Protein backbone atom coordinates (compact mmCIF):
# COMPACT_ATOMS: atom_id res chain seq x y z
CA UNK A 1 23.59 -33.09 14.29
CA UNK A 2 22.47 -30.57 16.96
CA UNK A 3 23.49 -26.80 16.36
CA UNK A 4 23.65 -24.47 19.30
CA UNK A 5 23.37 -20.60 18.06
CA UNK A 6 24.02 -18.33 21.25
CA UNK A 7 22.75 -14.89 20.30
CA UNK A 8 20.75 -12.26 21.93
CA UNK A 9 18.34 -9.63 21.38
CA UNK A 10 17.20 -6.61 23.38
CA UNK A 11 16.16 -2.98 23.01
CA UNK A 12 19.79 -1.76 23.39
CA UNK A 13 21.50 -4.59 21.64
CA UNK A 14 18.95 -4.38 18.49
CA UNK A 15 17.49 -7.55 16.71
CA UNK A 16 20.12 -7.68 13.79
CA UNK A 17 22.08 -10.68 15.11
CA UNK A 18 19.02 -13.03 15.85
CA UNK A 19 17.61 -11.96 12.08
CA UNK A 20 20.38 -12.70 10.37
CA UNK A 21 20.90 -16.29 12.94
CA UNK A 22 17.64 -17.22 11.50
CA UNK A 23 18.62 -17.15 7.90
CA UNK A 24 21.59 -19.30 8.97
CA UNK A 25 20.12 -21.58 10.93
CA UNK A 26 17.91 -22.87 7.56
CA UNK A 27 21.03 -24.06 6.13
CA UNK A 28 22.02 -26.24 8.87
CA UNK A 29 20.49 -30.29 8.60
CA UNK A 30 19.46 -32.05 11.75
CA UNK A 31 18.09 -30.19 15.52
CA UNK A 32 18.82 -25.93 15.83
CA UNK A 33 18.52 -24.49 18.94
CA UNK A 34 19.20 -21.34 20.23
CA UNK A 35 20.80 -19.94 23.92
CA UNK A 36 19.71 -16.75 24.63
CA UNK A 37 19.09 -14.53 27.71
CA UNK A 38 15.69 -13.17 28.46
CA UNK A 39 16.95 -9.29 28.06
CA UNK A 40 14.40 -6.31 27.54
CA UNK A 41 13.04 -6.21 24.74
CA UNK A 42 14.45 -9.22 23.28
CA UNK A 43 12.65 -11.42 20.23
CA UNK A 44 13.06 -14.63 21.87
CA UNK A 45 9.15 -15.11 21.01
CA UNK A 46 9.74 -14.98 17.58
CA UNK A 47 12.30 -17.66 17.36
CA UNK A 48 10.61 -20.57 15.76
CA UNK A 49 13.20 -22.76 17.40
CA UNK A 50 13.33 -24.36 20.73
CA UNK A 51 14.91 -21.98 22.82
CA UNK A 52 17.14 -22.43 26.27
CA UNK A 53 17.09 -19.55 29.10
CA UNK A 54 20.53 -18.67 29.49
CA UNK A 55 20.84 -16.79 33.37
CA UNK A 56 23.92 -14.72 32.59
CA UNK A 57 26.56 -14.62 29.43
CA UNK A 58 28.88 -17.04 31.98
CA UNK A 59 31.01 -19.47 30.02
CA UNK A 60 29.87 -22.26 32.91
CA UNK A 61 26.55 -21.89 32.16
CA UNK A 62 27.30 -22.00 28.35
CA UNK A 63 29.84 -25.14 28.90
CA UNK A 64 27.34 -27.26 30.99
CA UNK A 65 24.06 -26.51 28.67
CA UNK A 66 26.58 -27.80 25.51
CA UNK A 67 26.99 -30.91 27.45
CA UNK A 68 24.02 -31.20 28.71
CA UNK A 69 21.88 -31.00 24.83
CA UNK A 70 25.22 -32.93 23.54
CA UNK A 71 26.29 -29.99 20.63
CA UNK A 72 27.78 -30.63 17.33
CA UNK A 73 28.40 -27.14 16.45
CA UNK A 74 28.38 -23.90 18.62
CA UNK A 75 27.38 -20.65 16.93
CA UNK A 76 28.06 -17.86 18.58
CA UNK A 77 27.07 -14.04 17.10
CA UNK A 78 27.44 -11.94 20.60
CA UNK A 79 29.84 -9.17 21.18
CA UNK A 80 29.84 -9.98 24.55
CA UNK A 81 31.63 -13.54 23.45
CA UNK A 82 35.79 -13.12 23.06
CA UNK A 83 38.06 -15.09 22.16
CA UNK A 84 39.16 -16.17 25.91
CA UNK A 85 35.71 -17.08 26.27
CA UNK A 86 35.63 -19.39 22.89
CA UNK A 87 39.20 -21.20 23.96
CA UNK A 88 37.52 -21.74 27.17
CA UNK A 89 34.03 -23.52 25.56
CA UNK A 90 36.60 -25.17 23.06
CA UNK A 91 39.05 -26.72 25.79
CA UNK A 92 35.82 -27.96 27.46
CA UNK A 93 33.53 -29.27 25.64
CA UNK A 94 35.37 -30.27 22.39
CA UNK A 95 32.69 -28.55 20.20
CA UNK A 96 33.22 -27.32 16.71
CA UNK A 97 32.54 -23.67 16.79
CA UNK A 98 31.06 -20.93 14.24
CA UNK A 99 31.73 -17.21 15.20
CA UNK A 100 30.28 -14.57 13.60
CA UNK A 101 32.39 -11.25 13.13
CA UNK A 102 32.49 -7.94 11.81
CA UNK A 103 34.56 -6.28 13.06
CA UNK A 104 37.53 -8.10 12.95
CA UNK A 105 38.27 -9.42 16.24
CA UNK A 106 40.41 -12.25 17.51
CA UNK A 107 38.23 -15.49 17.43
CA UNK A 108 39.42 -18.99 18.42
CA UNK A 109 37.11 -20.76 16.06
CA UNK A 110 36.89 -23.52 13.50
CA UNK A 111 34.72 -21.05 11.07
CA UNK A 112 34.57 -17.73 10.93
CA UNK A 113 31.89 -16.07 9.00
CA UNK A 114 32.39 -12.79 7.89
CA UNK A 115 28.90 -12.21 6.21
CA UNK A 116 29.36 -8.49 4.90
CA UNK A 117 30.41 -7.74 1.28
CA UNK A 118 32.35 -5.31 2.75
CA UNK A 119 34.08 -8.31 4.38
CA UNK A 120 38.23 -8.65 3.91
CA UNK A 121 39.54 -12.32 4.86
CA UNK A 122 42.98 -10.79 4.61
CA UNK A 123 42.06 -9.16 7.73
CA UNK A 124 42.20 -11.85 9.38
CA UNK A 125 45.44 -13.05 9.41
CA UNK A 126 46.48 -13.36 13.02
CA UNK A 127 43.13 -12.94 14.35
CA UNK A 128 42.47 -16.99 14.27
CA UNK A 129 43.88 -20.18 14.28
CA UNK A 130 45.93 -21.08 11.14
CA UNK A 131 42.94 -23.84 10.40
CA UNK A 132 40.12 -21.71 10.81
CA UNK A 133 37.85 -21.66 7.22
CA UNK A 134 37.27 -18.13 6.44
CA UNK A 135 33.84 -17.33 5.13
CA UNK A 136 33.52 -13.54 4.26
CA UNK A 137 32.06 -11.59 1.55
CA UNK A 138 29.30 -11.52 -0.94
CA UNK A 139 29.42 -15.49 -1.18
CA UNK A 140 28.30 -15.48 2.35
CA UNK A 141 25.84 -13.26 2.76
CA UNK A 142 22.36 -13.81 4.25
CA UNK A 143 19.51 -12.86 2.42
CA UNK A 144 15.92 -13.56 3.66
CA UNK A 145 14.01 -15.31 2.00
CA UNK A 146 11.23 -12.90 2.22
CA UNK A 147 13.50 -10.69 0.11
CA UNK A 148 14.53 -13.49 -3.26
CA UNK A 149 10.93 -13.96 -3.43
CA UNK A 150 9.31 -10.19 -3.27
CA UNK A 151 12.60 -9.67 -5.94
CA UNK A 152 10.92 -11.55 -8.57
CA UNK A 153 7.34 -9.44 -8.28
CA UNK A 154 6.52 -6.35 -10.09
CA UNK A 155 5.26 -3.61 -7.34
CA UNK A 156 3.77 -0.01 -8.23
CA UNK A 157 6.29 2.77 -6.52
CA UNK A 158 3.21 3.83 -3.68
CA UNK A 159 5.44 5.26 -0.83
CA UNK A 160 8.77 7.53 -1.78
CA UNK A 161 10.20 7.04 1.19
CA UNK A 162 11.22 3.95 3.08
CA UNK A 163 12.55 4.16 6.41
CA UNK A 164 13.61 1.21 8.65
CA UNK A 165 16.91 2.69 11.14
CA UNK A 166 17.17 -1.15 13.27
CA UNK A 167 14.39 -2.90 14.98
CA UNK A 168 15.04 -0.34 18.44
CA UNK A 169 16.41 2.67 17.30
CA UNK A 170 18.04 3.21 20.36
CA UNK A 171 19.28 7.03 18.86
CA UNK A 172 15.48 7.63 18.20
CA UNK A 173 16.69 8.92 14.80
CA UNK A 174 13.78 7.80 12.84
CA UNK A 175 11.89 10.46 14.24
CA UNK A 176 14.80 12.82 13.69
CA UNK A 177 14.03 11.91 9.57
CA UNK A 178 10.66 12.16 9.57
CA UNK A 179 10.58 15.75 10.92
CA UNK A 180 13.16 16.92 8.38
CA UNK A 181 10.97 15.23 5.15
CA UNK A 182 8.69 17.34 2.88
CA UNK A 183 5.23 16.53 3.87
CA UNK A 184 4.30 15.94 0.30
CA UNK A 185 5.95 12.93 0.49
CA UNK A 186 4.93 9.60 1.14
CA UNK A 187 6.83 7.56 3.91
CA UNK A 188 6.54 4.51 5.13
CA UNK A 189 8.27 3.79 8.44
CA UNK A 190 9.26 0.21 9.54
CA UNK A 191 9.68 -0.38 13.69
CA UNK A 192 9.15 -2.77 16.42
CA UNK A 193 8.06 -3.06 19.28
CA UNK A 194 10.95 -3.19 21.67
CA UNK A 195 11.63 -0.06 19.83
CA UNK A 196 11.65 2.14 22.97
CA UNK A 197 10.73 4.71 21.75
CA UNK A 198 7.27 3.83 19.95
CA UNK A 199 4.97 6.22 22.02
CA UNK A 200 6.87 8.68 20.78
CA UNK A 201 6.76 7.78 16.70
CA UNK A 202 2.47 6.94 17.29
CA UNK A 203 2.07 9.93 18.58
CA UNK A 204 3.81 11.83 16.18
CA UNK A 205 2.36 9.98 13.06
CA UNK A 206 -1.11 10.14 14.12
CA UNK A 207 -2.23 13.25 12.02
CA UNK A 208 0.03 12.70 8.98
CA UNK A 209 -1.94 10.54 6.45
CA UNK A 210 0.91 11.00 4.66
CA UNK A 211 3.15 8.95 6.82
CA UNK A 212 2.24 5.04 7.69
CA UNK A 213 3.91 3.43 10.50
CA UNK A 214 5.02 -0.43 10.29
CA UNK A 215 5.46 -2.15 13.82
CA UNK A 216 6.33 -5.94 13.72
CA UNK A 217 5.59 -5.79 10.07
CA UNK A 218 5.87 -9.85 8.11
CA UNK A 219 6.06 -7.97 4.40
CA UNK A 220 9.09 -5.81 5.22
CA UNK A 221 10.53 -7.17 1.20
CA UNK A 222 7.09 -6.02 -0.17
CA UNK A 223 7.38 -2.77 1.19
CA UNK A 224 10.53 -1.71 0.49
CA UNK A 225 10.27 -2.93 -2.98
CA UNK A 226 6.84 -0.64 -3.01
CA UNK A 227 9.30 2.27 -2.15
CA UNK A 228 11.31 4.64 -4.37
CA UNK A 229 14.18 5.37 -1.86
CA UNK A 230 15.22 3.48 1.40
CA UNK A 231 17.00 5.25 3.99
CA UNK A 232 18.96 2.44 6.68
CA UNK A 233 21.88 1.54 8.64
CA UNK A 234 24.72 0.79 7.08
CA UNK A 235 24.37 -2.90 8.38
CA UNK A 236 22.24 -6.10 7.93
CA UNK A 237 19.32 -4.52 6.59
CA UNK A 238 21.23 -2.20 3.98
CA UNK A 239 22.67 -5.99 2.41
CA UNK A 240 18.64 -6.28 1.38
CA UNK A 241 18.38 -2.76 0.03
CA UNK A 242 21.41 -3.85 -2.12
CA UNK A 243 19.96 -7.15 -3.29
CA UNK A 244 16.78 -5.23 -3.85
CA UNK A 245 18.84 -3.05 -6.31
CA UNK A 246 16.92 0.15 -5.11
CA UNK A 247 18.85 3.47 -3.87
CA UNK A 248 19.52 4.13 -0.55
CA UNK A 249 21.11 6.28 1.82
CA UNK A 250 22.81 4.88 4.73
CA UNK A 251 23.49 6.95 8.13
CA UNK A 252 25.97 5.11 10.88
CA UNK A 253 24.42 4.72 14.25
CA UNK A 254 27.22 2.95 15.53
CA UNK A 255 30.46 2.02 15.80
CA UNK A 256 30.25 -1.67 14.52
CA UNK A 257 29.23 -0.30 11.16
CA UNK A 258 32.28 1.50 10.52
CA UNK A 259 33.75 -1.42 8.08
CA UNK A 260 30.43 -0.92 5.69
CA UNK A 261 29.87 1.98 5.92
CA UNK A 262 33.81 2.85 4.17
CA UNK A 263 33.16 0.20 2.42
CA UNK A 264 30.04 1.60 0.52
CA UNK A 265 31.40 4.75 0.91
CA UNK A 266 34.59 3.51 -1.46
CA UNK A 267 32.10 2.21 -3.89
CA UNK A 268 30.12 5.96 -4.69
CA UNK A 269 27.07 5.29 -2.38
CA UNK A 270 25.32 8.05 -0.61
CA UNK A 271 26.48 7.51 2.86
CA UNK A 272 26.15 9.86 5.87
CA UNK A 273 28.80 9.16 8.85
CA UNK A 274 26.31 10.48 11.49
CA UNK A 275 22.96 11.52 11.51
CA UNK A 276 23.27 15.62 9.73
CA UNK A 277 19.82 17.20 9.12
CA UNK A 278 21.05 19.80 6.74
CA UNK A 279 22.56 17.19 4.80
CA UNK A 280 20.47 14.82 4.75
CA UNK A 281 17.99 17.06 3.42
CA UNK A 282 19.69 18.08 0.66
CA UNK A 283 20.26 14.67 -0.25
CA UNK A 284 16.46 13.99 -0.16
CA UNK A 285 15.68 17.59 -1.95
CA UNK A 286 18.41 16.47 -5.02
CA UNK A 287 16.49 12.70 -5.54
CA UNK A 288 13.40 14.42 -5.44
CA UNK A 289 14.02 17.45 -7.28
C-alpha cells in the first residue's frame, strides 16, 4: 500500500492542513509520501515522511508523480484543488482518492473526510459521487497523540491564558489580544517561525515577564493543560481544546471557519465572529472576576 498526501503549508495558507495530515498518516499501512510545493513559510522540514517537491499545483505534474510512484491512495487536503482537478486525476490514474473538506464543496472522490465535530454528512448530498464513503463528525476527529497522553497527566495551572491563533497568524491578531489583556495575568503564547509577525511579537513581550512566548514548541498539549483559559480560532486547535475539556474563547479569523463558528455558537460556547477588543476584554474580565 502506497499513500500520497497532497497538501501545502505557508505563511498565508497556514500549517493546519499538514498538522492534521500527519495525524491521519499514522493510520495508514505501508509507505506514506507527501507531495508539497516549496512555499514561503512552509513546514516541510517538520514532516517525518518522504516529501516530493512540486513546482506547481498543476494536474499533469501530480498525475505524473502518482504514476511514477505507483500510488494506491491519494489524500487531497487543499483548497486549491477542486472536483474537476480530482476527476482528471482519477481518470488518468485510477487512483483511489480521499478528499478533506470542511466547507461543503463539490468533490470527485471515493472517500470524503470532514473531521470537524460540526460536520453534517446530509449536506454532501449531490456534492459527491453516489458511492462516495462519507466520514463526517466526531468519530473521525483527528487528535494528536500528545493530547491523548497529556490528558492523563495532572498539571499545575501556571498560566491564566493560553493564546494560539494559528501557526502563521496572518492577521497578527495575537498581538491585538496581548494588548488588551490585564498585566496581572500570566500568559502563554504559541506561535511558529512561519509567523511573518514573529519579530514584532518578540519585541512586544521582551519587557513583559508575565508573557511567555513559545515558538515551534513541542509541548503544545502541556502548555494548554497548564492554562486556565484558551483563546484560539474555531479550527483544528479548537478540537484539541475541546478534547482537553478546557474553557475557551474562539475568535474567527477566516471564512473556512464559518461552519465551526456556527456550531460552537449554537452549542453555547463563547465565540467572536471577528476580533473585537471591547467584547473580548469583557469576556476575559467576566471569566477572571
